[in-house]
Protein backbone atom coordinates (compact mmCIF):
# COMPACT_ATOMS: atom_id res chain seq x y z
CA MET A 1 0.00 0.00 0.00
CA LEU A 2 2.89 2.37 0.78
CA LEU A 3 4.60 1.67 -2.54
CA GLY A 4 1.30 2.05 -4.36
CA PHE A 5 0.66 5.38 -2.70
CA ILE A 6 4.16 6.60 -3.60
CA TYR A 7 3.70 5.50 -7.22
CA TRP A 8 0.31 7.21 -7.47
CA GLN A 9 1.61 10.48 -6.00
CA THR A 10 4.74 10.48 -8.18
CA ALA A 11 2.89 9.60 -11.37
CA THR A 12 0.29 12.27 -10.67
CA GLU A 13 2.98 14.92 -10.13
CA MET A 14 4.90 13.87 -13.26
CA THR A 15 1.71 13.99 -15.33
CA ARG A 16 0.87 17.40 -13.94
CA ARG A 17 4.28 18.77 -14.90
CA VAL A 18 4.08 17.37 -18.44
CA ASP A 19 0.60 18.80 -18.86
CA LEU A 20 1.89 22.18 -17.61
CA ILE A 21 4.70 22.07 -20.18
CA LEU A 22 2.21 21.28 -22.97
CA THR A 23 -0.01 24.13 -21.84
CA LEU A 24 2.93 26.55 -21.93
CA GLU A 25 3.91 25.29 -25.38
CA GLU A 26 0.34 25.82 -26.57
CA THR A 27 0.40 29.39 -25.24
CA ARG A 28 3.73 30.04 -26.96
CA PHE A 29 2.54 28.81 -30.34
CA ASN A 30 -0.70 30.72 -30.04
CA GLN A 31 1.40 33.91 -29.94
CA VAL A 32 3.17 33.02 -33.19
CA SER A 33 1.70 34.40 -36.43
CA PRO A 34 0.30 31.82 -38.86
CA ASP A 35 2.89 32.78 -41.50
CA THR A 36 5.86 31.92 -39.29
CA LEU A 37 4.24 28.95 -37.46
CA SER A 38 5.86 26.26 -39.58
CA ASP A 39 9.29 27.86 -39.19
CA GLU A 40 8.84 28.08 -35.41
CA ILE A 41 7.86 24.40 -35.29
CA ASP A 42 11.00 23.38 -37.20
CA LYS A 43 13.14 25.51 -34.89
CA SER A 44 11.50 23.87 -31.84
CA VAL A 45 12.29 20.42 -33.24
CA GLN A 46 15.93 21.42 -33.76
CA ARG A 47 16.21 22.83 -30.22
CA ASP A 48 14.84 19.54 -28.71
CA HIS A 49 18.20 17.84 -28.15
CA ARG A 50 16.63 15.34 -25.68
CA HIS A 51 14.03 14.31 -28.26
CA VAL A 52 11.16 14.39 -25.79
CA TYR A 53 8.86 16.76 -27.71
CA PHE A 54 6.53 16.02 -30.59
CA TYR A 55 5.47 18.81 -32.94
CA GLY A 56 3.28 18.55 -35.99
CA LEU A 57 1.42 21.01 -38.24
CA PHE A 58 -1.05 19.24 -40.52
CA SER A 59 -3.29 20.54 -43.24
CA SER A 60 -7.04 20.00 -42.98
CA ASP A 61 -6.71 16.80 -45.02
CA GLY A 62 -4.04 15.41 -42.64
CA ARG A 63 -0.92 16.15 -44.72
CA LEU A 64 2.21 17.03 -42.72
CA ILE A 65 3.31 20.63 -43.19
CA ALA A 66 6.02 20.91 -40.51
CA GLY A 67 7.28 19.01 -37.49
CA ASN A 68 8.62 15.59 -36.56
CA ILE A 69 5.34 13.63 -36.48
CA PRO A 70 4.75 11.75 -39.77
CA ARG A 71 1.00 11.48 -39.31
CA LEU A 72 -1.83 12.28 -36.96
CA PRO A 73 -2.43 9.49 -34.48
CA PRO A 74 -5.74 7.74 -35.22
CA GLY A 75 -8.55 8.65 -32.85
CA MET A 76 -6.80 11.73 -31.51
CA PRO A 77 -9.52 14.31 -30.71
CA VAL A 78 -8.87 17.87 -31.92
CA ASP A 79 -10.39 19.61 -28.88
CA GLY A 80 -7.47 21.45 -27.28
CA HIS A 81 -7.43 19.05 -24.31
CA ILE A 82 -4.49 16.90 -23.26
CA HIS A 83 -4.86 13.16 -23.89
CA GLY A 84 -2.71 10.09 -23.56
CA THR A 85 -1.69 8.54 -26.88
CA THR A 86 1.17 6.87 -28.80
CA LEU A 87 3.44 8.89 -31.08
CA SER A 88 6.47 8.31 -33.27
CA ALA A 89 8.94 10.91 -34.55
CA THR A 90 10.70 11.15 -37.91
CA ASN A 91 13.92 12.21 -36.22
CA LEU A 92 13.97 9.12 -34.01
CA ALA A 93 14.61 5.57 -35.13
CA SER A 94 12.72 4.06 -32.22
CA GLN A 95 9.21 2.70 -32.34
CA SER A 96 6.12 4.52 -31.19
CA MET A 97 6.32 5.78 -27.64
CA PRO A 98 3.68 6.68 -25.07
CA ALA A 99 3.06 10.42 -24.92
CA ARG A 100 0.78 13.13 -23.64
CA ALA A 101 -0.50 15.35 -26.47
CA LEU A 102 -3.07 17.97 -27.45
CA ALA A 103 -4.40 18.95 -30.90
CA ILE A 104 -5.58 22.46 -31.76
CA ARG A 105 -7.37 23.55 -34.93
CA GLN A 106 -5.98 26.77 -36.33
CA GLY A 107 -7.97 29.54 -37.96
CA SER A 108 -6.83 28.45 -41.43
CA GLY A 109 -8.17 24.93 -40.80
CA SER A 110 -4.80 23.41 -40.16
CA ILE A 111 -4.19 21.23 -37.06
CA LEU A 112 -1.37 21.83 -34.61
CA LEU A 113 -0.35 18.83 -32.46
CA ILE A 114 1.98 19.24 -29.51
CA GLY A 115 3.15 16.19 -27.55
CA HIS A 116 5.60 15.19 -24.84
CA ASP A 117 7.26 11.83 -24.33
CA VAL A 118 6.13 9.98 -21.14
CA GLN A 119 8.33 6.93 -21.61
CA GLN A 120 9.76 7.70 -18.16
CA PHE A 121 6.30 6.95 -16.73
CA THR A 122 6.51 3.41 -18.08
CA GLU A 123 10.08 2.99 -16.83
CA PHE A 124 9.09 4.38 -13.44
CA GLY A 125 6.18 1.93 -13.29
CA GLU A 126 8.52 -0.99 -14.03
CA VAL A 127 10.89 0.17 -11.29
CA MET A 128 7.99 0.41 -8.84
CA ARG A 129 6.71 -3.04 -9.80
CA SER A 130 10.16 -4.49 -9.27
CA ALA A 131 10.45 -2.66 -5.95
CA PHE A 132 6.99 -3.90 -4.98
CA PHE A 133 7.89 -7.50 -5.80
CA TRP A 134 11.29 -7.60 -4.10
CA GLY A 135 10.40 -5.23 -1.28
CA GLY A 136 7.10 -6.99 -0.64
CA SER A 137 8.75 -10.44 -0.76
CA LEU A 138 11.49 -9.32 1.61
CA THR A 139 8.97 -7.68 3.94
CA ILE A 140 6.79 -10.81 4.03
CA LEU A 141 9.81 -13.07 4.53
CA LEU A 142 11.25 -10.94 7.33
CA GLY A 143 7.79 -10.57 8.87
CA LEU A 144 7.31 -14.35 8.89
CA VAL A 145 10.80 -14.98 10.29
CA PHE A 146 10.55 -12.38 13.06
CA GLY A 147 6.92 -13.32 13.73
CA LEU A 148 7.98 -16.96 14.13
CA LEU A 149 10.85 -16.01 16.42
CA LEU A 150 8.67 -13.71 18.51
CA SER A 151 5.96 -16.38 18.80
CA PHE A 152 8.24 -18.93 20.48
CA GLY A 153 8.11 -17.19 23.87
CA PRO A 154 4.31 -16.77 24.05
CA LEU A 155 3.78 -20.29 22.70
CA ARG A 156 6.02 -21.76 25.40
CA ARG A 157 4.10 -19.80 28.02
CA VAL A 158 0.78 -20.98 26.59
CA GLU A 159 2.04 -24.58 26.72
CA GLN A 160 3.06 -24.08 30.36
CA ILE A 161 -0.36 -22.62 31.14
CA GLN A 162 -2.01 -25.58 29.39
CA GLN A 163 0.03 -28.08 31.42
CA VAL A 164 -0.84 -26.35 34.69
CA CYS A 165 -4.53 -26.19 33.71
CA GLU A 166 -4.51 -29.94 33.01
CA LEU A 167 -3.06 -30.56 36.48
CA ILE A 168 -5.76 -28.35 38.01
CA MET A 169 -8.44 -30.20 36.02
CA HIS A 170 -7.16 -33.47 37.50
CA GLY A 171 -7.71 -32.13 41.02
CA ASN A 172 -4.38 -30.50 41.93
CA MET A 173 -5.89 -27.23 43.13
CA LYS A 174 -2.57 -26.04 44.58
CA GLN A 175 -1.16 -25.42 41.10
CA ARG A 176 -1.08 -21.83 39.79
CA LEU A 177 -0.55 -20.37 36.33
CA PRO A 178 3.03 -19.19 35.69
CA VAL A 179 3.68 -15.42 35.65
CA SER A 180 6.71 -14.23 33.66
CA GLY A 181 6.95 -10.73 35.08
CA ARG A 182 6.62 -9.06 31.68
CA HIS A 183 3.27 -7.58 32.70
CA ASP A 184 1.77 -8.41 29.31
CA GLU A 185 -1.71 -9.73 28.52
CA LEU A 186 -0.83 -13.32 29.43
CA ASP A 187 0.52 -12.19 32.81
CA MET A 188 -2.64 -10.15 33.44
CA LEU A 189 -4.79 -13.18 32.62
CA ALA A 190 -2.63 -15.49 34.75
CA VAL A 191 -2.82 -13.15 37.75
CA ILE A 192 -6.62 -12.93 37.51
CA VAL A 193 -7.01 -16.70 37.14
CA ASN A 194 -4.63 -17.33 40.05
CA LYS A 195 -6.70 -15.03 42.26
CA VAL A 196 -9.84 -16.93 41.25
CA LEU A 197 -8.11 -20.24 42.02
CA ASP A 198 -6.99 -18.94 45.41
CA GLU A 199 -10.57 -17.98 46.25
CA VAL A 200 -11.96 -21.30 44.97
CA ASP A 201 -9.34 -23.21 46.96
CA ARG A 202 -10.18 -21.21 50.09
CA LEU A 203 -13.91 -21.83 49.71
CA MET A 204 -13.39 -25.52 49.01
CA SER A 205 -11.13 -25.83 52.04
CA GLU A 206 -13.72 -24.14 54.24
CA VAL A 207 -16.53 -26.37 52.99
CA LYS A 208 -14.35 -29.45 53.30
CA SER A 209 -13.19 -28.54 56.79
CA VAL A 210 -16.79 -28.02 57.90
CA GLY A 211 -17.74 -31.50 56.67
CA ASP A 212 -14.62 -33.07 58.21
CA ASN A 213 -15.18 -31.32 61.53
CA ILE A 214 -18.81 -32.43 61.64
CA ALA A 215 -17.82 -36.01 60.85
CA HIS A 216 -15.04 -35.95 63.44
CA ASP A 217 -17.06 -34.26 66.18
CA LEU A 218 -20.14 -36.47 65.75
CA ARG A 219 -18.22 -39.73 65.68
CA THR A 220 -17.44 -39.65 69.40
CA PRO A 221 -21.01 -38.93 70.64
CA LEU A 222 -22.38 -41.50 68.17
CA THR A 223 -19.95 -44.09 69.53
CA ARG A 224 -21.13 -43.31 73.08
CA LEU A 225 -24.75 -43.46 71.91
CA ARG A 226 -24.15 -46.87 70.37
CA ALA A 227 -22.56 -48.16 73.55
CA LEU A 228 -25.51 -46.87 75.60
CA LEU A 229 -28.03 -48.43 73.21
CA TYR A 230 -26.16 -51.71 73.34
CA ARG A 231 -26.35 -51.75 77.15
CA MET A 232 -30.07 -50.97 77.02
CA GLN A 233 -30.55 -53.81 74.53
CA GLN A 234 -28.76 -56.21 76.85
CA GLN A 235 -30.91 -55.09 79.77
CA LEU A 236 -34.16 -55.56 77.81
CA GLY A 237 -33.52 -59.25 77.52
CA ASP A 238 -36.44 -60.95 75.74
CA SER A 239 -38.54 -57.79 75.72
CA PRO A 240 -40.48 -56.98 72.52
CA HIS A 241 -38.36 -53.83 72.29
CA HIS A 242 -35.18 -55.89 71.94
CA ALA A 243 -35.48 -56.24 68.15
CA MET A 244 -36.37 -52.56 67.73
CA MET A 245 -33.30 -51.61 69.73
CA GLY A 246 -31.21 -53.75 67.37
CA GLN A 247 -32.54 -51.78 64.40
CA VAL A 248 -31.61 -48.51 66.13
CA ILE A 249 -28.09 -49.81 66.77
CA ALA A 250 -27.81 -50.83 63.10
CA GLU A 251 -28.75 -47.30 62.01
CA VAL A 252 -26.13 -45.83 64.34
CA ASP A 253 -23.56 -48.25 62.88
CA SER A 254 -24.55 -47.04 59.42
CA LEU A 255 -23.96 -43.42 60.44
CA LEU A 256 -20.59 -44.31 61.95
CA LEU A 257 -19.57 -46.05 58.72
CA ARG A 258 -20.51 -42.98 56.72
CA PHE A 259 -18.51 -40.67 58.97
CA ARG A 260 -15.59 -43.09 58.85
CA ALA A 261 -15.73 -43.05 55.02
CA LEU A 262 -15.83 -39.23 54.96
CA LEU A 263 -12.81 -39.00 57.23
CA ARG A 264 -11.08 -41.61 55.09
CA ILE A 265 -11.61 -39.46 51.98
CA SER A 266 -10.33 -36.41 53.84
CA GLU A 267 -7.23 -38.30 54.97
CA ILE A 268 -6.47 -39.38 51.41
CA GLU A 269 -7.12 -35.94 49.90
CA ASN A 270 -4.61 -34.37 52.29
CA LYS A 271 -2.00 -36.15 50.13
CA GLN A 272 0.11 -37.00 53.18
CA ARG A 273 0.23 -40.60 52.01
CA ARG A 274 2.56 -39.71 49.11
CA ALA A 275 5.51 -39.99 51.48
CA GLY A 276 4.95 -43.76 51.47
CA PHE A 277 5.01 -44.19 47.70
CA LYS A 278 7.31 -46.88 46.35
CA LEU A 279 7.64 -49.19 43.36
CA ILE A 280 4.86 -51.78 43.45
CA GLN A 281 3.82 -54.73 41.29
CA LEU A 282 0.29 -54.24 40.01
CA PRO A 283 -0.39 -57.92 39.13
CA GLU A 284 0.14 -58.94 42.77
CA ILE A 285 -2.16 -56.24 44.18
CA LEU A 286 -4.83 -56.91 41.56
CA ALA A 287 -4.70 -60.66 42.26
CA GLN A 288 -5.15 -59.99 46.00
CA ALA A 289 -8.22 -57.86 45.28
CA VAL A 290 -9.73 -60.52 43.01
CA ASN A 291 -9.09 -63.28 45.59
CA PHE A 292 -10.56 -61.08 48.33
CA LEU A 293 -13.87 -60.66 46.48
CA GLU A 294 -14.06 -64.10 44.88
CA PRO A 295 -16.30 -65.52 47.66
CA LEU A 296 -18.75 -62.64 47.15
CA ALA A 297 -18.86 -63.40 43.43
CA GLU A 298 -19.42 -67.10 44.08
CA ASN A 299 -22.38 -66.33 46.36
CA LYS A 300 -24.10 -64.64 43.36
CA SER A 301 -22.90 -67.30 40.87
CA ILE A 302 -20.90 -64.60 39.07
CA LYS A 303 -17.91 -65.68 36.99
CA LEU A 304 -14.96 -63.56 38.15
CA SER A 305 -11.92 -63.86 35.87
CA MET A 306 -8.60 -62.05 35.60
CA VAL A 307 -6.04 -61.67 32.80
CA ALA A 308 -2.78 -59.95 33.74
CA GLU A 309 -0.15 -59.05 31.15
CA SER A 310 3.43 -58.22 32.03
CA VAL A 311 3.68 -54.52 32.97
CA ASP A 312 6.39 -52.36 34.48
CA PRO A 313 6.30 -51.55 38.21
CA ILE A 314 4.61 -48.26 39.11
CA ASN A 315 5.22 -45.72 41.84
CA GLY A 316 2.37 -45.63 44.35
CA ASP A 317 0.80 -46.81 47.58
CA GLY A 318 -0.06 -50.51 47.38
CA GLU A 319 -2.63 -50.44 50.18
CA LEU A 320 -4.54 -47.56 48.64
CA LEU A 321 -4.52 -49.11 45.16
CA PHE A 322 -5.77 -52.36 46.70
CA GLU A 323 -8.63 -50.32 48.14
CA VAL A 324 -9.34 -48.87 44.66
CA PHE A 325 -9.52 -52.27 43.01
CA VAL A 326 -11.66 -53.69 45.82
CA ASN A 327 -14.15 -50.81 45.64
CA VAL A 328 -14.49 -50.97 41.85
CA LEU A 329 -14.77 -54.76 41.86
CA ASP A 330 -17.29 -54.65 44.70
CA ASN A 331 -19.47 -52.27 42.67
CA ALA A 332 -19.14 -54.46 39.58
CA ILE A 333 -20.23 -57.56 41.51
CA LYS A 334 -22.98 -55.68 43.37
CA PHE A 335 -24.67 -54.47 40.18
CA THR A 336 -24.17 -57.62 38.12
CA PRO A 337 -27.14 -60.00 38.21
CA GLU A 338 -26.75 -63.62 39.29
CA GLY A 339 -25.09 -65.77 36.65
CA GLY A 340 -23.30 -62.78 35.16
CA ARG A 341 -19.62 -62.20 34.68
CA VAL A 342 -16.93 -59.73 35.76
CA LYS A 343 -13.64 -59.56 33.86
CA VAL A 344 -10.43 -57.95 35.09
CA HIS A 345 -7.76 -57.17 32.48
CA LEU A 346 -4.33 -55.70 33.24
CA SER A 347 -2.54 -54.50 30.10
CA SER A 348 0.03 -52.01 28.86
CA GLY A 349 -1.69 -48.79 27.85
CA PRO A 350 -0.30 -45.97 25.67
CA LYS A 351 1.86 -44.59 28.51
CA GLY A 352 1.81 -47.26 31.19
CA ALA A 353 -0.22 -49.92 32.94
CA GLN A 354 -4.00 -49.94 32.46
CA VAL A 355 -6.64 -51.89 34.41
CA ASP A 356 -10.05 -52.60 32.84
CA ILE A 357 -12.86 -54.02 34.99
CA VAL A 358 -15.87 -55.02 32.87
CA ASP A 359 -19.18 -56.32 34.19
CA SER A 360 -22.36 -57.56 32.50
CA GLY A 361 -24.79 -55.55 34.62
CA ALA A 362 -27.38 -52.95 33.70
CA GLY A 363 -24.74 -50.25 33.11
CA ILE A 364 -24.73 -46.58 34.02
CA ARG A 365 -26.75 -43.96 32.23
CA GLU A 366 -24.76 -41.47 30.18
CA ASN A 367 -25.92 -38.49 32.24
CA GLU A 368 -24.88 -40.23 35.50
CA LYS A 369 -21.32 -41.27 34.61
CA SER A 370 -19.83 -38.11 36.10
CA ALA A 371 -22.35 -37.77 38.92
CA VAL A 372 -21.69 -41.25 40.38
CA LEU A 373 -18.16 -40.10 41.24
CA ASN A 374 -19.52 -37.45 43.61
CA ARG A 375 -20.10 -38.06 47.30
CA PHE A 376 -23.41 -39.62 48.36
CA TYR A 377 -24.69 -39.81 44.77
CA ARG A 378 -26.58 -42.99 43.97
CA GLY A 379 -27.87 -43.71 40.49
CA GLU A 380 -31.36 -44.89 39.68
CA ASN A 381 -30.09 -48.44 39.21
CA ASP A 382 -28.57 -48.73 42.71
CA LEU A 383 -31.16 -47.08 44.95
CA GLN A 384 -32.11 -50.47 46.36
CA ALA A 385 -28.53 -51.72 46.71
CA PRO A 386 -26.70 -51.40 50.04
CA GLY A 387 -24.16 -48.62 50.42
CA PHE A 388 -23.82 -44.90 51.03
CA GLY A 389 -22.61 -43.61 47.63
CA LEU A 390 -19.07 -43.02 48.95
CA GLY A 391 -17.18 -45.95 47.43
CA LEU A 392 -16.35 -44.25 44.13
CA SER A 393 -15.58 -41.02 46.01
CA ILE A 394 -12.85 -42.89 47.89
CA VAL A 395 -11.67 -44.34 44.57
CA MET A 396 -11.43 -40.88 43.00
CA ALA A 397 -9.57 -39.49 46.03
CA ILE A 398 -6.93 -42.22 45.70
CA ILE A 399 -6.80 -41.78 41.90
CA ARG A 400 -6.17 -38.03 42.30
CA LEU A 401 -3.55 -38.71 44.97
CA HIS A 402 -1.61 -40.83 42.45
CA ASP A 403 -2.40 -38.44 39.56
CA PHE A 404 -3.89 -41.40 37.69
CA GLY A 405 -6.91 -41.42 35.40
CA PHE A 406 -10.33 -43.03 35.78
CA ARG A 407 -13.08 -43.48 33.21
CA LEU A 408 -16.49 -45.15 33.03
CA GLU A 409 -17.75 -46.42 29.66
CA ASP A 410 -20.50 -48.64 28.29
CA ALA A 411 -19.46 -52.26 27.82
CA ASP A 412 -22.62 -53.14 25.90
CA PRO A 413 -23.95 -54.70 28.07
CA GLY A 414 -22.62 -53.56 31.43
CA THR A 415 -19.99 -51.05 32.42
CA ARG A 416 -16.26 -50.76 31.75
CA ALA A 417 -14.25 -49.04 34.49
CA THR A 418 -10.75 -48.14 33.30
CA ILE A 419 -7.92 -47.08 35.62
CA TYR A 420 -4.97 -45.43 33.83
CA CYS A 421 -1.96 -46.04 36.05
CA TRP A 422 0.32 -43.24 34.85
CA PRO A 423 0.54 -39.50 35.63
CA GLN A 424 -2.09 -37.74 33.58
CA GLY A 425 0.02 -34.60 33.20
CA VAL A 426 2.61 -36.58 31.19
């Protein structure tokens, strides 16, 4: 655009100057008497050492009387106005050249044509086109090179932000977006997001601490209540209220189990157990979980099978992972009808060991696959089944502690629970 503007301004100024010269020449010839006009034209041709002027005096029938133009250019209007045309001169051996010219009809009927060579316009245009091509190409090339070089820094920062966001999405709420100190737009965004994360973390901690404190504070009085109810039941002997008292004690036991599960989740989420991480063999832990629940599967005539491929040891807490496998397997057996099957498959996934537990039960609805991982949530298919809706919450707490992945999918029929035993940020 800059080169185009320069060309337009320069060409306009050059055209204006040529037109001014032609106007002055017209004025000069208008002051010459008709008798000496032809002689003045010949003198003007002789004085034009640069050969940039065209002069021609033609009779009314187009015959050349004086000048260096052999003939009138076809289509040239005789109106006294300046027009662009092509002219050739008798004193030049070159071909026709672009020119600016005007034609005037004299009182005797003759035609006076005055022109000026504008070949420099064409040459100037070629120079500008060459400058546009090479200058534009160099500008684009340098722009791409410097743009690419300048983009490396922001792209690296965006990748760092993406990695931190993935860690936050997997439950590591202590992570914060990196701030470079350049005070640019990315830093402004990172500071705002970090403030939001600080507030979210504070609110979550307050809510969590309230629930943990309630569970902790109520466990002691509930334990005393259970002991008191048990003594009363023993004192009732064969009284009709003995069975009712047993039901009350069972409900208190249920509450104690729920509080114990909540405190268990809180203990795991504190991530203090990471100090005990070590290299463990998944096939051994998975086999222990399968053997532990095999009697439960046999009671429901469920075929429980396991296939374990050779995988590398992983870094983790063996007791907690045993708890994960037991909880997931327990759910699979619980919601599989009698005569069904539950398959356990340990294999090498894209980035590490992967455990798939597949049952032949009724499955989980699509809109409940995320909700069942929340505390106390129970799907429509398990409202009648025993439990408190905290088993998968414990599983997710342990999964997040290890930075592993967990996914529920349809097995058609049944459900496939997949545990990805590698850091999800990798």
